[in-house]
Every structure is written in C-alpha cells, then in structure tokens.
C-alpha cells in the first residue's frame, strides 16, 4: 500500500474497497462498547454496500463467508 502511509487504517481499507482490491471484508466491533470511530465504521459499511463487497460483522457470518470463498 505504497503512498498511503499517512492514511488511517479505515481509510486504507476504504481505498482498497474502492479499488476493487478485496474479495470480502470481515470487520468485528464490540457492540457493547462505545465506538470512538463510529463514523469510520459506517463509512466502511457504506463502501462495502456500494461496491457490492461481501461483509461479515460477526463470527458466524465470517465463518460462512470464509467457507464460501475457500470453496470457489
């Protein structure tokens, strides 16, 4: 990810989504804790939706997504 050293992790992931460089996104958050980066999490969710990128936010969904990607 050359040239993106100054961007935060959320911004780097967002750029990869926009570039079509990811097959899926697995993004875990603790729903019982305050999210200091709630806006960033929502932005990643919107980007994944706009770019039709499969996204998992729970372990069970991540397991299904990984199995689907591994299967072909």
Protein backbone atom coordinates (compact mmCIF):
# COMPACT_ATOMS: atom_id res chain seq x y z
CA UNK A 1 0.00 0.00 0.00
CA UNK A 2 2.67 2.44 -1.02
CA UNK A 3 1.69 6.08 -0.91
CA UNK A 4 -0.90 5.56 1.83
CA UNK A 5 1.39 5.70 4.85
CA UNK A 6 -0.29 8.81 6.29
CA UNK A 7 -3.84 7.47 6.00
CA UNK A 8 -5.53 5.75 8.92
CA UNK A 9 -6.37 2.06 8.77
CA UNK A 10 -10.03 2.72 8.00
CA UNK A 11 -9.05 5.00 5.11
CA UNK A 12 -6.65 2.39 3.74
CA UNK A 13 -9.35 -0.28 3.85
CA UNK A 14 -11.80 2.12 2.20
CA UNK A 15 -9.34 2.77 -0.61
CA UNK A 16 -8.88 -0.97 -1.17
CA UNK A 17 -12.66 -1.40 -1.35
CA UNK A 18 -12.99 1.43 -3.87
CA UNK A 19 -10.16 -0.04 -5.98
CA UNK A 20 -11.86 -3.44 -6.04
CA UNK A 21 -8.78 -4.98 -4.40
CA UNK A 22 -10.68 -7.05 -1.80
CA UNK A 23 -12.73 -10.22 -2.16
CA UNK A 24 -14.53 -9.66 1.15
CA UNK A 25 -14.43 -7.62 4.33
CA UNK A 26 -14.50 -9.05 7.85
CA UNK A 27 -14.86 -6.27 10.37
CA UNK A 28 -15.51 -7.07 14.02
CA UNK A 29 -16.68 -4.46 16.52
CA UNK A 30 -17.77 -4.80 20.12
CA UNK A 31 -21.45 -3.78 20.05
CA UNK A 32 -21.45 -3.27 23.82
CA UNK A 33 -18.61 -0.75 23.85
CA UNK A 34 -18.69 2.83 22.65
CA UNK A 35 -17.18 3.17 19.19
CA UNK A 36 -14.81 6.13 19.01
CA UNK A 37 -14.63 5.66 15.24
CA UNK A 38 -18.33 5.03 14.63
CA UNK A 39 -18.33 7.34 11.60
CA UNK A 40 -15.45 5.37 10.06
CA UNK A 41 -17.21 2.05 10.66
CA UNK A 42 -20.37 3.38 8.99
CA UNK A 43 -18.31 4.66 6.05
CA UNK A 44 -16.74 1.23 5.52
CA UNK A 45 -20.17 -0.38 5.68
CA UNK A 46 -21.49 2.05 3.07
CA UNK A 47 -18.49 1.49 0.79
CA UNK A 48 -18.84 -2.28 1.04
CA UNK A 49 -22.52 -1.99 0.19
CA UNK A 50 -21.99 0.40 -2.74
CA UNK A 51 -19.24 -1.80 -4.18
CA UNK A 52 -21.24 -5.00 -3.55
CA UNK A 53 -18.46 -6.41 -1.36
CA UNK A 54 -19.43 -9.30 0.93
CA UNK A 55 -19.01 -8.12 4.54
CA UNK A 56 -19.13 -10.04 7.79
CA UNK A 57 -19.53 -8.36 11.17
CA UNK A 58 -20.00 -11.47 13.33
CA UNK A 59 -18.04 -14.67 13.77
CA UNK A 60 -20.77 -16.90 12.37
CA UNK A 61 -21.13 -14.76 9.25
CA UNK A 62 -17.35 -14.60 8.87
CA UNK A 63 -17.15 -18.40 9.06
CA UNK A 64 -19.75 -18.72 6.28
CA UNK A 65 -18.02 -16.09 4.16
CA UNK A 66 -14.60 -17.72 4.54
CA UNK A 67 -16.03 -21.15 3.69
CA UNK A 68 -17.72 -19.73 0.59
CA UNK A 69 -14.53 -18.00 -0.58
CA UNK A 70 -12.44 -21.13 0.06
CA UNK A 71 -14.90 -23.26 -1.88
CA UNK A 72 -14.55 -21.39 -5.08
